């Protein structure tokens, strides 16, 4: 017997100042990830460019503006460049460990250093420990958090006393990995940790035969979003579906991810 499909209810937020483009207003369409199978709903919405925040799936719905473009990395066709290999070698001492989606104080303290150092005036600047716990743990789908710690080559096991260098909250979707939010120690600028975590997700997706790594939204003319276009081949969601990113979007500055 075919299971009946229940259409979710969608809502529209009121306009607020756009966090990416000065002088513009932002609106989002959203729905709750609930029902008998929130995972199936999330997978369907992710294919349509929605992102997850706790138990909410959302995407921009700004009047007269389509600047936010959903992007994902085509993992099978990705070829690691010399600059990628330099970043991977620079961080060869880091040990990535997938953890259950359970918030820790160590993660939160690292997040606070990251926000204070990189996004002190951003929308998450006032996030407290309870907010962080909700961000990590309030997920109705398969979610985990990668922890990255430096480890001496002579050690066999990860020591919990080794400081946390970076972390990434990651969703598992039917066709890949979706990087929900990543953060790192802002003092380790030489490591290019933001780029490293994306490269690690690409390698992980390749290992498990997953086609894509979802990076969220790319915004032209927004400096802090330009790094995403470096990870070619990149696909963007258009009215005709997912298509290769247009050539004119492939010349961003070689800066490290800021978000």
Protein backbone atom coordinates (compact mmCIF):
# COMPACT_ATOMS: atom_id res chain seq x y z
CA UNK A 1 0.00 0.00 0.00
CA UNK A 2 1.34 3.40 -0.95
CA UNK A 3 1.94 5.65 2.03
CA UNK A 4 -0.07 8.89 1.80
CA UNK A 5 1.96 12.05 1.34
CA UNK A 6 1.21 14.89 3.72
CA UNK A 7 2.02 18.30 2.26
CA UNK A 8 3.89 20.38 4.85
CA UNK A 9 2.67 23.84 5.74
CA UNK A 10 4.97 26.66 4.67
CA UNK A 11 5.30 30.07 6.30
CA UNK A 12 6.93 33.36 5.32
CA UNK A 13 8.99 35.50 7.66
CA UNK A 14 8.60 39.26 7.93
CA UNK A 15 11.29 41.36 6.19
CA UNK A 16 14.53 41.93 8.11
CA UNK A 17 17.85 43.56 7.09
CA UNK A 18 19.82 41.32 4.75
CA UNK A 19 22.98 39.95 6.44
CA UNK A 20 24.81 39.71 3.09
CA UNK A 21 23.95 42.74 0.98
CA UNK A 22 23.67 46.18 2.63
CA UNK A 23 20.49 48.10 2.08
CA UNK A 24 18.38 45.07 1.17
CA UNK A 25 15.67 43.19 3.02
CA UNK A 26 15.60 39.46 3.64
CA UNK A 27 12.61 37.12 3.82
CA UNK A 28 12.55 33.34 4.18
CA UNK A 29 10.05 30.61 3.49
CA UNK A 30 10.17 27.83 6.05
CA UNK A 31 8.48 24.71 7.34
CA UNK A 32 8.90 22.34 10.26
CA UNK A 33 10.65 19.04 9.71
CA UNK A 34 7.98 16.88 11.29
CA UNK A 35 5.55 14.14 10.36
CA UNK A 36 6.09 10.42 9.95
CA UNK A 37 9.35 10.77 8.01
CA UNK A 38 11.19 14.08 8.56
CA UNK A 39 14.28 12.62 6.89
CA UNK A 40 12.46 12.09 3.59
CA UNK A 41 10.99 15.59 3.81
CA UNK A 42 14.41 17.08 4.51
CA UNK A 43 16.00 15.20 1.61
CA UNK A 44 13.31 16.48 -0.75
CA UNK A 45 13.66 20.06 0.45
CA UNK A 46 17.48 19.94 0.36
CA UNK A 47 17.24 19.02 -3.33
CA UNK A 48 15.14 22.18 -3.73
CA UNK A 49 17.72 24.40 -2.06
CA UNK A 50 16.42 24.43 1.51
CA UNK A 51 18.77 24.51 4.49
CA UNK A 52 18.18 23.17 7.99
CA UNK A 53 18.26 25.07 11.29
CA UNK A 54 17.24 22.82 14.18
CA UNK A 55 13.86 21.35 13.17
CA UNK A 56 13.19 24.04 10.55
CA UNK A 57 13.91 23.86 6.82
CA UNK A 58 14.17 27.26 5.12
CA UNK A 59 15.27 29.04 1.98
CA UNK A 60 15.39 32.71 0.91
CA UNK A 61 12.21 34.19 -0.55
CA UNK A 62 13.20 37.82 -0.97
CA UNK A 63 11.03 40.08 -3.08
CA UNK A 64 12.83 41.19 -6.22
CA UNK A 65 16.12 39.51 -5.30
CA UNK A 66 17.61 36.12 -6.16
CA UNK A 67 21.17 36.80 -5.00
CA UNK A 68 21.32 33.76 -2.69
CA UNK A 69 22.19 30.73 -4.82
CA UNK A 70 22.26 27.16 -3.46
CA UNK A 71 25.56 25.47 -4.31
CA UNK A 72 27.00 21.99 -3.95
CA UNK A 73 30.30 20.34 -4.86
CA UNK A 74 30.25 17.56 -7.45
CA UNK A 75 32.41 15.11 -5.51
CA UNK A 76 32.99 12.52 -8.23
CA UNK A 77 34.49 15.09 -10.59
CA UNK A 78 36.47 17.01 -7.97
CA UNK A 79 40.23 17.08 -8.55
CA UNK A 80 42.44 18.26 -5.72
CA UNK A 81 44.56 21.22 -6.79
CA UNK A 82 48.06 22.07 -5.61
CA UNK A 83 46.60 24.62 -3.20
CA UNK A 84 44.26 21.94 -1.82
CA UNK A 85 47.13 19.55 -1.26
CA UNK A 86 49.10 22.26 0.53
CA UNK A 87 46.17 22.84 2.90
CA UNK A 88 45.75 19.10 3.50
CA UNK A 89 49.48 18.69 4.18
CA UNK A 90 49.47 21.71 6.47
CA UNK A 91 46.78 20.01 8.56
CA UNK A 92 48.03 16.43 8.30
CA UNK A 93 48.41 16.36 12.08
CA UNK A 94 44.67 16.89 12.58
CA UNK A 95 42.57 13.85 13.43
CA UNK A 96 38.92 14.17 12.35
CA UNK A 97 36.54 12.34 14.68
CA UNK A 98 32.79 12.13 13.97
CA UNK A 99 30.81 12.61 17.18
CA UNK A 100 27.13 12.23 17.94
CA UNK A 101 25.20 15.49 17.75
CA UNK A 102 25.72 16.31 21.41
CA UNK A 103 26.90 19.78 22.39
CA UNK A 104 29.90 20.15 24.69
CA UNK A 105 31.29 23.13 26.56
CA UNK A 106 34.58 22.72 24.73
CA UNK A 107 32.80 23.09 21.39
CA UNK A 108 30.88 26.11 22.66
CA UNK A 109 34.04 27.84 23.94
CA UNK A 110 35.66 27.28 20.55
CA UNK A 111 32.56 28.70 18.85
CA UNK A 112 32.72 31.80 21.08
CA UNK A 113 36.37 32.40 20.14
CA UNK A 114 35.45 31.97 16.48
CA UNK A 115 32.48 34.34 16.63
CA UNK A 116 34.40 36.95 18.63
CA UNK A 117 37.33 36.77 16.23
CA UNK A 118 35.50 36.51 12.90
CA UNK A 119 31.82 37.45 13.30
CA UNK A 120 31.53 39.74 16.30
CA UNK A 121 28.80 41.75 14.56
CA UNK A 122 27.00 38.83 12.90
CA UNK A 123 23.61 37.31 13.54
CA UNK A 124 25.05 34.63 15.83
CA UNK A 125 27.20 36.98 17.91
CA UNK A 126 24.89 36.73 20.94
CA UNK A 127 24.57 32.95 20.89
CA UNK A 128 24.80 31.50 24.40
CA UNK A 129 25.45 27.91 25.50
CA UNK A 130 21.76 27.03 25.46
CA UNK A 131 21.39 28.38 21.91
CA UNK A 132 24.38 26.32 20.84
CA UNK A 133 22.97 23.18 22.42
CA UNK A 134 19.73 23.69 20.50
CA UNK A 135 21.62 24.25 17.24
CA UNK A 136 23.49 20.96 17.65
CA UNK A 137 20.99 18.67 19.33
CA UNK A 138 17.58 19.76 18.00
CA UNK A 139 17.74 17.77 14.78
CA UNK A 140 15.09 15.31 13.58
CA UNK A 141 17.45 13.83 10.96
CA UNK A 142 20.82 12.07 10.86
CA UNK A 143 23.26 14.70 12.12
CA UNK A 144 26.75 14.48 13.60
CA UNK A 145 29.60 16.83 14.42
CA UNK A 146 33.16 16.41 13.20
CA UNK A 147 35.81 17.36 15.76
CA UNK A 148 39.34 18.10 14.57
CA UNK A 149 42.25 17.84 17.00
CA UNK A 150 45.99 18.00 16.43
CA UNK A 151 47.71 14.74 17.27
CA UNK A 152 51.37 13.84 17.44
CA UNK A 153 52.30 11.19 14.90
CA UNK A 154 53.62 8.95 17.70
CA UNK A 155 50.23 8.77 19.39
CA UNK A 156 47.84 5.96 18.54
CA UNK A 157 44.60 7.30 19.99
CA UNK A 158 43.03 10.73 20.13
CA UNK A 159 43.52 12.25 23.57
CA UNK A 160 40.53 14.25 24.77
CA UNK A 161 42.96 16.64 26.51
CA UNK A 162 44.26 17.83 23.14
CA UNK A 163 42.58 21.19 22.38
CA UNK A 164 39.84 21.25 19.80
CA UNK A 165 41.05 23.10 16.69
CA UNK A 166 37.88 23.02 14.58
CA UNK A 167 34.42 21.50 14.35
CA UNK A 168 31.65 21.14 11.79
CA UNK A 169 27.99 20.32 12.30
CA UNK A 170 27.04 18.08 9.38
CA UNK A 171 23.77 16.59 8.11
CA UNK A 172 23.61 13.35 6.18
CA UNK A 173 21.26 13.62 3.19
CA UNK A 174 20.32 10.94 0.67
CA UNK A 175 22.85 12.16 -1.91
CA UNK A 176 25.63 13.63 0.18
CA UNK A 177 26.81 15.62 3.18
CA UNK A 178 25.44 19.03 4.07
CA UNK A 179 27.75 21.31 6.03
CA UNK A 180 25.38 23.08 8.41
CA UNK A 181 27.91 25.19 10.30
CA UNK A 182 31.68 25.06 10.77
CA UNK A 183 33.90 26.98 13.16
CA UNK A 184 37.54 26.94 14.21
CA UNK A 185 40.22 28.56 16.35
CA UNK A 186 40.72 32.02 14.77
CA UNK A 187 44.33 32.13 15.97
CA UNK A 188 45.31 29.35 13.55
CA UNK A 189 45.04 31.50 10.44
CA UNK A 190 47.98 29.76 8.78
CA UNK A 191 46.11 26.45 8.75
CA UNK A 192 43.22 27.62 6.49
CA UNK A 193 40.91 25.53 8.64
CA UNK A 194 37.71 26.59 6.89
CA UNK A 195 39.01 25.32 3.56
CA UNK A 196 40.47 22.24 5.20
CA UNK A 197 37.09 21.18 6.60
CA UNK A 198 35.48 21.48 3.17
CA UNK A 199 38.28 19.39 1.64
CA UNK A 200 37.88 16.80 4.39
CA UNK A 201 34.14 16.60 3.69
CA UNK A 202 34.89 16.08 -0.01
CA UNK A 203 37.26 13.22 0.84
CA UNK A 204 34.71 11.71 3.24
CA UNK A 205 31.93 11.89 0.64
CA UNK A 206 34.24 10.24 -1.91
CA UNK A 207 35.07 7.50 0.59
CA UNK A 208 31.41 6.65 1.13
CA UNK A 209 30.36 7.07 -2.50
CA UNK A 210 28.21 10.15 -1.87
CA UNK A 211 27.79 12.43 -4.91
CA UNK A 212 27.68 15.88 -3.30
CA UNK A 213 28.81 18.15 -0.51
CA UNK A 214 26.26 20.90 0.08
CA UNK A 215 27.75 24.29 1.02
CA UNK A 216 24.57 26.28 1.52
CA UNK A 217 24.20 29.63 -0.24
CA UNK A 218 26.63 31.56 -2.41
CA UNK A 219 26.03 35.29 -2.84
CA UNK A 220 27.65 37.24 -5.64
CA UNK A 221 29.14 40.59 -4.53
CA UNK A 222 29.35 39.32 -0.94
CA UNK A 223 33.02 39.04 -0.03
CA UNK A 224 32.62 36.51 2.78
CA UNK A 225 30.78 34.11 0.44
CA UNK A 226 33.25 34.17 -2.45
CA UNK A 227 35.43 31.33 -1.14
CA UNK A 228 32.75 28.75 -2.05
CA UNK A 229 33.22 29.29 -5.79
CA UNK A 230 36.81 28.02 -5.50
CA UNK A 231 35.67 24.42 -5.02
CA UNK A 232 35.02 23.49 -8.63
CA UNK A 233 33.23 21.70 -10.18
CA UNK A 234 30.46 23.46 -8.33
CA UNK A 235 26.78 23.19 -9.16
CA UNK A 236 24.19 25.90 -8.57
CA UNK A 237 20.42 25.56 -8.28
CA UNK A 238 18.59 27.35 -11.09
CA UNK A 239 15.02 27.45 -12.34
CA UNK A 240 16.00 24.55 -14.61
CA UNK A 241 17.38 22.52 -11.70
CA UNK A 242 20.97 21.94 -10.63
CA UNK A 243 23.43 23.19 -13.26
CA UNK A 244 27.21 23.76 -13.42
CA UNK A 245 28.11 27.15 -11.97
CA UNK A 246 28.32 29.81 -14.64
CA UNK A 247 31.87 30.73 -15.79
CA UNK A 248 31.51 34.31 -14.57
CA UNK A 249 31.17 33.05 -11.00
CA UNK A 250 34.51 31.25 -10.92
CA UNK A 251 37.00 34.01 -10.13
CA UNK A 252 36.77 34.70 -6.39
CA UNK A 253 39.72 35.92 -4.33
CA UNK A 254 41.79 33.18 -2.72
CA UNK A 255 40.70 33.89 0.84
CA UNK A 256 39.90 31.44 3.61
CA UNK A 257 36.25 30.71 4.51
CA UNK A 258 34.81 33.09 7.06
CA UNK A 259 31.63 31.13 7.80
